[in-house]
Amino acid sequence: MSWPTLFFPLVLVALAIPFPVRGDFVFYENFKAMKDVQESEALRAALERPANCDAFVTVAIDGGAGSGKTSTARELARRHGFAFVSTGEHYRVLAYLLERLGVQPGDGPAIARAIAPLRPGTVFVGNQGHLSLDGRIFSEGELRSPAVNRSVARYAQLPELRRFLQDYQRTLPRVARSANFPGLVLEGRDMTSVVFPDASLRYFLTVDAEERVRRRREEGICDDVAGRDAQDRERLVCLDGVSPIDGTGRTLEEVVALLSRDVEELLR
């Protein structure tokens, strides 16, 4: 399979803001009208703030599969006009790519060779930042396929792949701040420990196993929650300084309200 098949050229409207690390960023309101670069309310509010504002808030959220990390982070970011990034999507992007290339999860050297030439960038659709590779972004259908659901946790274990993504993820506060967002909410494994140990706010979400399985099924995701917990058990740790949040029996609104109070306190 040829590289052009995987990385077809896109005509992107780039913002003229210098960015000294690998990756650029662009804004789009939605996937159907990318070239229009229309701004959502949250994005518009963020762009009206001074570019040199000293107060920038980074919120890192970790937790097991189905614990509500993504929904909580997305809603928290929306409320405060922050940028939002789901880092689990990054691992799905690479899992999808590597499967298409026929690279097996256990072949570390082959994975390192495959990802070395890739140029990661950030595309904002509204306030959500998506990982692009060589200018290409990936659809939900591609990233949520049964094959990716089965393989993503195995690919994510590999140090070569993790280093590649973590180096990229550490650039995201700079990207979000350059784009004039007042803050950034990131969710995913290692966010509160390895990637952003110095984040303004750090949370670890927990929910009992039965409820997490039910949530995943309601989302249409049929993956092995218990198996993923077993694979990630060394990384599923709430470290000192990280606030534990038990979402069992709580609504999304209730969980977000807890975190939002902390954000509001920092913004005063």
Foldseek 3Di string as FASTA:
>chain_A
DDPCVVVPDDDADFDPDDDPDFAGEGEAQDDVPRVVRDADPLLVVLQPDDLPDPQEAEEEEEEAFLLCQQVLQVVLCSVQSAAEEELLLVLLVLLLVCVVVVHDLVPQVVSLVVCVVWGWYWYHNHRYTAIDTNNDGDDPCSSQPPSSLACSLSNCVHPSSVVVSLVVVLCVSVNRSNSRGRYYYYYYFCRCPPRCVPGPAAEYGDEDPVNSCVSCVVVVHDHDRVVSCVSCVVRNDQDPPHHYDYCYVHDSVVRSVVVNVVVVVSVD
